[in-house]
Amino acid sequence: GMSNDPNMEAAMRLVLNFYEEMGAVFNHREIDERLLRALFKSQIRFICDKAWPYIDFLQQNGRKSACEAMLKMNQDI
């Protein structure tokens, strides 16, 4: 991975998995979009921006669709 700290990598995976699942729900319009925007838009923007090196690393190393739903949600939110 990118980090020598397995706990940091595990934490990053959990965060990205959470937002990926949120993205799947958002992208299928199965959630109150206004509420999600109000509560999470700035967090989603921050995660997509700051975690991009890690996401890019995943995509370049065999997980081409890594964080796909989250990144689409970030565009649409």
PDB file of N, CA and C in Angstrom:
ATOM      1  N   GLY A   1       0.817  -1.195   0.000  1.00  0.00           N
ATOM      2  CA  GLY A   1       0.000   0.000   0.000  1.00  0.00           C
ATOM      3  C   GLY A   1       0.859   1.256   0.000  1.00  0.00           C
ATOM      4  N   MET A   2       0.224   2.365   0.209  1.00  0.00           N
ATOM      5  CA  MET A   2       0.912   3.650   0.200  1.00  0.00           C
ATOM      6  C   MET A   2       1.521   3.984   1.550  1.00  0.00           C
ATOM      7  N   SER A   3       1.035   3.354   2.593  1.00  0.00           N
ATOM      8  CA  SER A   3       1.461   3.710   3.940  1.00  0.00           C
ATOM      9  C   SER A   3       2.141   2.517   4.594  1.00  0.00           C
ATOM     10  N   ASN A   4       3.058   2.802   5.484  1.00  0.00           N
ATOM     11  CA  ASN A   4       3.668   1.733   6.271  1.00  0.00           C
ATOM     12  C   ASN A   4       2.860   1.444   7.525  1.00  0.00           C
ATOM     13  N   ASP A   5       1.781   2.202   7.723  1.00  0.00           N
ATOM     14  CA  ASP A   5       0.950   2.061   8.914  1.00  0.00           C
ATOM     15  C   ASP A   5      -0.324   1.287   8.555  1.00  0.00           C
ATOM     16  N   PRO A   6      -0.410   0.010   8.946  1.00  0.00           N
ATOM     17  CA  PRO A   6      -1.591  -0.784   8.568  1.00  0.00           C
ATOM     18  C   PRO A   6      -2.881  -0.237   9.166  1.00  0.00           C
ATOM     19  N   ASN A   7      -2.803   0.401  10.327  1.00  0.00           N
ATOM     20  CA  ASN A   7      -4.016   0.983  10.917  1.00  0.00           C
ATOM     21  C   ASN A   7      -4.518   2.166  10.094  1.00  0.00           C
ATOM     22  N   MET A   8      -3.596   2.962   9.574  1.00  0.00           N
ATOM     23  CA  MET A   8      -3.995   4.099   8.733  1.00  0.00           C
ATOM     24  C   MET A   8      -4.626   3.593   7.443  1.00  0.00           C
ATOM     25  N   GLU A   9      -4.046   2.560   6.848  1.00  0.00           N
ATOM     26  CA  GLU A   9      -4.631   1.994   5.626  1.00  0.00           C
ATOM     27  C   GLU A   9      -6.017   1.422   5.901  1.00  0.00           C
ATOM     28  N   ALA A  10      -6.175   0.747   7.031  1.00  0.00           N
ATOM     29  CA  ALA A  10      -7.486   0.182   7.380  1.00  0.00           C
ATOM     30  C   ALA A  10      -8.505   1.300   7.593  1.00  0.00           C
ATOM     31  N   ALA A  11      -8.094   2.368   8.266  1.00  0.00           N
ATOM     32  CA  ALA A  11      -8.993   3.502   8.489  1.00  0.00           C
ATOM     33  C   ALA A  11      -9.393   4.133   7.158  1.00  0.00           C
ATOM     34  N   MET A  12      -8.432   4.304   6.268  1.00  0.00           N
ATOM     35  CA  MET A  12      -8.727   4.892   4.956  1.00  0.00           C
ATOM     36  C   MET A  12      -9.704   4.009   4.184  1.00  0.00           C
ATOM     37  N   ARG A  13      -9.493   2.698   4.225  1.00  0.00           N
ATOM     38  CA  ARG A  13     -10.421   1.789   3.531  1.00  0.00           C
ATOM     39  C   ARG A  13     -11.827   1.901   4.100  1.00  0.00           C
ATOM     40  N   LEU A  14     -11.952   1.974   5.425  1.00  0.00           N
ATOM     41  CA  LEU A  14     -13.278   2.086   6.041  1.00  0.00           C
ATOM     42  C   LEU A  14     -13.972   3.377   5.642  1.00  0.00           C
ATOM     43  N   VAL A  15     -13.244   4.481   5.656  1.00  0.00           N
ATOM     44  CA  VAL A  15     -13.823   5.767   5.266  1.00  0.00           C
ATOM     45  C   VAL A  15     -14.260   5.738   3.809  1.00  0.00           C
ATOM     46  N   LEU A  16     -13.374   5.261   2.946  1.00  0.00           N
ATOM     47  CA  LEU A  16     -13.716   5.219   1.521  1.00  0.00           C
ATOM     48  C   LEU A  16     -14.875   4.266   1.259  1.00  0.00           C
ATOM     49  N   ASN A  17     -14.922   3.137   1.953  1.00  0.00           N
ATOM     50  CA  ASN A  17     -16.043   2.205   1.792  1.00  0.00           C
ATOM     51  C   ASN A  17     -17.358   2.851   2.210  1.00  0.00           C
ATOM     52  N   PHE A  18     -17.335   3.600   3.325  1.00  0.00           N
ATOM     53  CA  PHE A  18     -18.544   4.285   3.790  1.00  0.00           C
ATOM     54  C   PHE A  18     -19.051   5.249   2.722  1.00  0.00           C
ATOM     55  N   TYR A  19     -18.165   6.093   2.200  1.00  0.00           N
ATOM     56  CA  TYR A  19     -18.584   7.072   1.208  1.00  0.00           C
ATOM     57  C   TYR A  19     -18.918   6.421  -0.132  1.00  0.00           C
ATOM     58  N   GLU A  20     -18.297   5.308  -0.443  1.00  0.00           N
ATOM     59  CA  GLU A  20     -18.646   4.567  -1.663  1.00  0.00           C
ATOM     60  C   GLU A  20     -20.078   4.023  -1.538  1.00  0.00           C
ATOM     61  N   GLU A  21     -20.422   3.494  -0.371  1.00  0.00           N
ATOM     62  CA  GLU A  21     -21.782   3.005  -0.157  1.00  0.00           C
ATOM     63  C   GLU A  21     -22.782   4.153  -0.189  1.00  0.00           C
ATOM     64  N   MET A  22     -22.425   5.282   0.426  1.00  0.00           N
ATOM     65  CA  MET A  22     -23.280   6.466   0.378  1.00  0.00           C
ATOM     66  C   MET A  22     -23.477   6.892  -1.074  1.00  0.00           C
ATOM     67  N   GLY A  23     -22.400   6.843  -1.861  1.00  0.00           N
ATOM     68  CA  GLY A  23     -22.491   7.211  -3.269  1.00  0.00           C
ATOM     69  C   GLY A  23     -23.440   6.308  -4.035  1.00  0.00           C
ATOM     70  N   ALA A  24     -23.390   5.020  -3.754  1.00  0.00           N
ATOM     71  CA  ALA A  24     -24.286   4.085  -4.429  1.00  0.00           C
ATOM     72  C   ALA A  24     -25.744   4.430  -4.135  1.00  0.00           C
ATOM     73  N   VAL A  25     -26.040   4.746  -2.890  1.00  0.00           N
ATOM     74  CA  VAL A  25     -27.407   5.113  -2.496  1.00  0.00           C
ATOM     75  C   VAL A  25     -27.801   6.444  -3.144  1.00  0.00           C
ATOM     76  N   PHE A  26     -26.902   7.426  -3.088  1.00  0.00           N
ATOM     77  CA  PHE A  26     -27.168   8.738  -3.690  1.00  0.00           C
ATOM     78  C   PHE A  26     -27.384   8.615  -5.191  1.00  0.00           C
ATOM     79  N   ASN A  27     -26.518   7.866  -5.864  1.00  0.00           N
ATOM     80  CA  ASN A  27     -26.582   7.751  -7.320  1.00  0.00           C
ATOM     81  C   ASN A  27     -27.845   7.037  -7.788  1.00  0.00           C
ATOM     82  N   HIS A  28     -28.422   6.194  -6.931  1.00  0.00           N
ATOM     83  CA  HIS A  28     -29.678   5.522  -7.272  1.00  0.00           C
ATOM     84  C   HIS A  28     -30.894   6.300  -6.774  1.00  0.00           C
ATOM     85  N   ARG A  29     -30.631   7.500  -6.278  1.00  0.00           N
ATOM     86  CA  ARG A  29     -31.706   8.397  -5.813  1.00  0.00           C
ATOM     87  C   ARG A  29     -32.592   7.734  -4.757  1.00  0.00           C
ATOM     88  N   GLU A  30     -31.951   7.004  -3.850  1.00  0.00           N
ATOM     89  CA  GLU A  30     -32.688   6.304  -2.795  1.00  0.00           C
ATOM     90  C   GLU A  30     -32.497   6.994  -1.450  1.00  0.00           C
ATOM     91  N   ILE A  31     -32.256   8.309  -1.498  1.00  0.00           N
ATOM     92  CA  ILE A  31     -31.960   9.054  -0.276  1.00  0.00           C
ATOM     93  C   ILE A  31     -32.458  10.481  -0.471  1.00  0.00           C
ATOM     94  N   ASP A  32     -32.684  11.162   0.625  1.00  0.00           N
ATOM     95  CA  ASP A  32     -33.067  12.573   0.559  1.00  0.00           C
ATOM     96  C   ASP A  32     -31.831  13.365   0.117  1.00  0.00           C
ATOM     97  N   GLU A  33     -31.798  13.729  -1.149  1.00  0.00           N
ATOM     98  CA  GLU A  33     -30.602  14.377  -1.703  1.00  0.00           C
ATOM     99  C   GLU A  33     -30.326  15.728  -1.052  1.00  0.00           C
ATOM    100  N   ARG A  34     -31.374  16.482  -0.736  1.00  0.00           N
ATOM    101  CA  ARG A  34     -31.165  17.795  -0.101  1.00  0.00           C
ATOM    102  C   ARG A  34     -30.526  17.628   1.276  1.00  0.00           C
ATOM    103  N   LEU A  35     -30.983  16.635   2.016  1.00  0.00           N
ATOM    104  CA  LEU A  35     -30.413  16.384   3.341  1.00  0.00           C
ATOM    105  C   LEU A  35     -28.956  15.949   3.226  1.00  0.00           C
ATOM    106  N   LEU A  36     -28.672  15.072   2.284  1.00  0.00           N
ATOM    107  CA  LEU A  36     -27.301  14.614   2.093  1.00  0.00           C
ATOM    108  C   LEU A  36     -26.391  15.782   1.721  1.00  0.00           C
ATOM    109  N   ARG A  37     -26.864  16.643   0.819  1.00  0.00           N
ATOM    110  CA  ARG A  37     -26.068  17.824   0.446  1.00  0.00           C
ATOM    111  C   ARG A  37     -25.792  18.694   1.672  1.00  0.00           C
ATOM    112  N   ALA A  38     -26.839  18.934   2.454  1.00  0.00           N
ATOM    113  CA  ALA A  38     -26.704  19.813   3.616  1.00  0.00           C
ATOM    114  C   ALA A  38     -25.729  19.247   4.648  1.00  0.00           C
ATOM    115  N   LEU A  39     -25.763  17.940   4.845  1.00  0.00           N
ATOM    116  CA  LEU A  39     -24.957  17.330   5.908  1.00  0.00           C
ATOM    117  C   LEU A  39     -23.573  16.894   5.466  1.00  0.00           C
ATOM    118  N   PHE A  40     -23.433  16.459   4.217  1.00  0.00           N
ATOM    119  CA  PHE A  40     -22.203  15.765   3.831  1.00  0.00           C
ATOM    120  C   PHE A  40     -21.432  16.348   2.654  1.00  0.00           C
ATOM    121  N   LYS A  41     -21.983  17.354   1.965  1.00  0.00           N
ATOM    122  CA  LYS A  41     -21.322  17.838   0.749  1.00  0.00           C
ATOM    123  C   LYS A  41     -19.867  18.241   1.003  1.00  0.00           C
ATOM    124  N   SER A  42     -19.616  19.025   2.053  1.00  0.00           N
ATOM    125  CA  SER A  42     -18.241  19.481   2.290  1.00  0.00           C
ATOM    126  C   SER A  42     -17.333  18.313   2.659  1.00  0.00           C
ATOM    127  N   GLN A  43     -17.849  17.330   3.390  1.00  0.00           N
ATOM    128  CA  GLN A  43     -17.049  16.155   3.731  1.00  0.00           C
ATOM    129  C   GLN A  43     -16.718  15.340   2.478  1.00  0.00           C
ATOM    130  N   ILE A  44     -17.714  15.172   1.604  1.00  0.00           N
ATOM    131  CA  ILE A  44     -17.504  14.416   0.369  1.00  0.00           C
ATOM    132  C   ILE A  44     -16.448  15.098  -0.491  1.00  0.00           C
ATOM    133  N   ARG A  45     -16.566  16.417  -0.631  1.00  0.00           N
ATOM    134  CA  ARG A  45     -15.572  17.167  -1.403  1.00  0.00           C
ATOM    135  C   ARG A  45     -14.172  16.976  -0.807  1.00  0.00           C
ATOM    136  N   PHE A  46     -14.076  17.102   0.521  1.00  0.00           N
ATOM    137  CA  PHE A  46     -12.783  16.988   1.204  1.00  0.00           C
ATOM    138  C   PHE A  46     -12.185  15.595   1.011  1.00  0.00           C
ATOM    139  N   ILE A  47     -12.998  14.546   1.227  1.00  0.00           N
ATOM    140  CA  ILE A  47     -12.520  13.170   1.095  1.00  0.00           C
ATOM    141  C   ILE A  47     -12.039  12.910  -0.330  1.00  0.00           C
ATOM    142  N   CYS A  48     -12.835  13.315  -1.322  1.00  0.00           N
ATOM    143  CA  CYS A  48     -12.449  13.060  -2.717  1.00  0.00           C
ATOM    144  C   CYS A  48     -11.165  13.800  -3.071  1.00  0.00           C
ATOM    145  N   ASP A  49     -10.994  14.990  -2.527  1.00  0.00           N
ATOM    146  CA  ASP A  49      -9.794  15.778  -2.819  1.00  0.00           C
ATOM    147  C   ASP A  49      -8.570  15.220  -2.091  1.00  0.00           C
ATOM    148  N   LYS A  50      -8.666  15.043  -0.792  1.00  0.00           N
ATOM    149  CA  LYS A  50      -7.505  14.658   0.012  1.00  0.00           C
ATOM    150  C   LYS A  50      -7.137  13.190  -0.155  1.00  0.00           C
ATOM    151  N   ALA A  51      -8.124  12.353  -0.442  1.00  0.00           N
ATOM    152  CA  ALA A  51      -7.842  10.923  -0.603  1.00  0.00           C
ATOM    153  C   ALA A  51      -7.509  10.571  -2.046  1.00  0.00           C
ATOM    154  N   TRP A  52      -7.520  11.578  -2.940  1.00  0.00           N
ATOM    155  CA  TRP A  52      -7.297  11.274  -4.352  1.00  0.00           C
ATOM    156  C   TRP A  52      -6.006  10.503  -4.605  1.00  0.00           C
ATOM    157  N   PRO A  53      -4.867  10.836  -3.966  1.00  0.00           N
ATOM    158  CA  PRO A  53      -3.655  10.051  -4.234  1.00  0.00           C
ATOM    159  C   PRO A  53      -3.847   8.555  -3.929  1.00  0.00           C
ATOM    160  N   TYR A  54      -4.573   8.257  -2.848  1.00  0.00           N
ATOM    161  CA  TYR A  54      -4.828   6.865  -2.473  1.00  0.00           C
ATOM    162  C   TYR A  54      -5.792   6.214  -3.472  1.00  0.00           C
ATOM    163  N   ILE A  55      -6.841   6.944  -3.848  1.00  0.00           N
ATOM    164  CA  ILE A  55      -7.808   6.427  -4.824  1.00  0.00           C
ATOM    165  C   ILE A  55      -7.110   6.157  -6.153  1.00  0.00           C
ATOM    166  N   ASP A  56      -6.291   7.105  -6.587  1.00  0.00           N
ATOM    167  CA  ASP A  56      -5.544   6.947  -7.831  1.00  0.00           C
ATOM    168  C   ASP A  56      -4.618   5.737  -7.762  1.00  0.00           C
ATOM    169  N   PHE A  57      -3.959   5.566  -6.609  1.00  0.00           N
ATOM    170  CA  PHE A  57      -3.096   4.405  -6.399  1.00  0.00           C
ATOM    171  C   PHE A  57      -3.888   3.110  -6.575  1.00  0.00           C
ATOM    172  N   LEU A  58      -5.073   3.040  -5.965  1.00  0.00           N
ATOM    173  CA  LEU A  58      -5.921   1.851  -6.103  1.00  0.00           C
ATOM    174  C   LEU A  58      -6.302   1.620  -7.558  1.00  0.00           C
ATOM    175  N   GLN A  59      -6.710   2.692  -8.243  1.00  0.00           N
ATOM    176  CA  GLN A  59      -7.157   2.568  -9.628  1.00  0.00           C
ATOM    177  C   GLN A  59      -6.018   2.144 -10.552  1.00  0.00           C
ATOM    178  N   GLN A  60      -4.821   2.594 -10.259  1.00  0.00           N
ATOM    179  CA  GLN A  60      -3.671   2.251 -11.096  1.00  0.00           C
ATOM    180  C   GLN A  60      -3.123   0.853 -10.793  1.00  0.00           C
ATOM    181  N   ASN A  61      -3.575   0.269  -9.675  1.00  0.00           N
ATOM    182  CA  ASN A  61      -3.038  -1.021  -9.246  1.00  0.00           C
ATOM    183  C   ASN A  61      -4.123  -2.093  -9.151  1.00  0.00           C
ATOM    184  N   GLY A  62      -4.910  -2.189 -10.212  1.00  0.00           N
ATOM    185  CA  GLY A  62      -5.826  -3.313 -10.327  1.00  0.00           C
ATOM    186  C   GLY A  62      -7.255  -3.073  -9.898  1.00  0.00           C
ATOM    187  N   ARG A  63      -7.547  -1.917  -9.332  1.00  0.00           N
ATOM    188  CA  ARG A  63      -8.931  -1.635  -8.921  1.00  0.00           C
ATOM    189  C   ARG A  63      -9.445  -0.435  -9.691  1.00  0.00           C
ATOM    190  N   LYS A  64      -9.612  -0.622 -10.997  1.00  0.00           N
ATOM    191  CA  LYS A  64      -9.972   0.493 -11.875  1.00  0.00           C
ATOM    192  C   LYS A  64     -11.256   1.199 -11.451  1.00  0.00           C
ATOM    193  N   SER A  65     -12.169   0.466 -10.830  1.00  0.00           N
ATOM    194  CA  SER A  65     -13.445   1.073 -10.434  1.00  0.00           C
ATOM    195  C   SER A  65     -13.450   1.511  -8.968  1.00  0.00           C
ATOM    196  N   ALA A  66     -12.284   1.600  -8.349  1.00  0.00           N
ATOM    197  CA  ALA A  66     -12.218   2.012  -6.941  1.00  0.00           C
ATOM    198  C   ALA A  66     -12.890   3.368  -6.750  1.00  0.00           C
ATOM    199  N   CYS A  67     -13.807   3.420  -5.805  1.00  0.00           N
ATOM    200  CA  CYS A  67     -14.485   4.665  -5.404  1.00  0.00           C
ATOM    201  C   CYS A  67     -15.318   5.288  -6.517  1.00  0.00           C
ATOM    202  N   GLU A  68     -15.701   4.493  -7.497  1.00  0.00           N
ATOM    203  CA  GLU A  68     -16.446   4.990  -8.651  1.00  0.00           C
ATOM    204  C   GLU A  68     -17.749   5.687  -8.245  1.00  0.00           C
ATOM    205  N   ALA A  69     -18.524   5.063  -7.367  1.00  0.00           N
ATOM    206  CA  ALA A  69     -19.806   5.651  -6.957  1.00  0.00           C
ATOM    207  C   ALA A  69     -19.585   6.941  -6.163  1.00  0.00           C
ATOM    208  N   MET A  70     -18.563   6.946  -5.303  1.00  0.00           N
ATOM    209  CA  MET A  70     -18.273   8.136  -4.513  1.00  0.00           C
ATOM    210  C   MET A  70     -17.853   9.294  -5.423  1.00  0.00           C
ATOM    211  N   LEU A  71     -17.002   9.015  -6.406  1.00  0.00           N
ATOM    212  CA  LEU A  71     -16.531  10.068  -7.302  1.00  0.00           C
ATOM    213  C   LEU A  71     -17.671  10.609  -8.163  1.00  0.00           C
ATOM    214  N   LYS A  72     -18.600   9.738  -8.580  1.00  0.00           N
ATOM    215  CA  LYS A  72     -19.765  10.207  -9.341  1.00  0.00           C
ATOM    216  C   LYS A  72     -20.649  11.065  -8.457  1.00  0.00           C
ATOM    217  N   MET A  73     -20.874  10.642  -7.213  1.00  0.00           N
ATOM    218  CA  MET A  73     -21.667  11.436  -6.280  1.00  0.00           C
ATOM    219  C   MET A  73     -21.028  12.803  -6.097  1.00  0.00           C
ATOM    220  N   ASN A  74     -19.705  12.850  -5.977  1.00  0.00           N
ATOM    221  CA  ASN A  74     -18.998  14.117  -5.799  1.00  0.00           C
ATOM    222  C   ASN A  74     -19.260  15.059  -6.976  1.00  0.00           C
ATOM    223  N   GLN A  75     -19.350  14.519  -8.182  1.00  0.00           N
ATOM    224  CA  GLN A  75     -19.650  15.354  -9.358  1.00  0.00           C
ATOM    225  C   GLN A  75     -21.087  15.875  -9.315  1.00  0.00           C
ATOM    226  N   ASP A  76     -22.005  15.042  -8.851  1.00  0.00           N
ATOM    227  CA  ASP A  76     -23.426  15.363  -8.926  1.00  0.00           C
ATOM    228  C   ASP A  76     -23.960  16.119  -7.714  1.00  0.00           C
ATOM    229  N   ILE A  77     -23.232  16.078  -6.613  1.00  0.00           N
ATOM    230  CA  ILE A  77     -23.730  16.727  -5.396  1.00  0.00           C
ATOM    231  C   ILE A  77     -23.444  18.196  -5.497  1.00  0.00           C
TER     232      ILE A  77
END
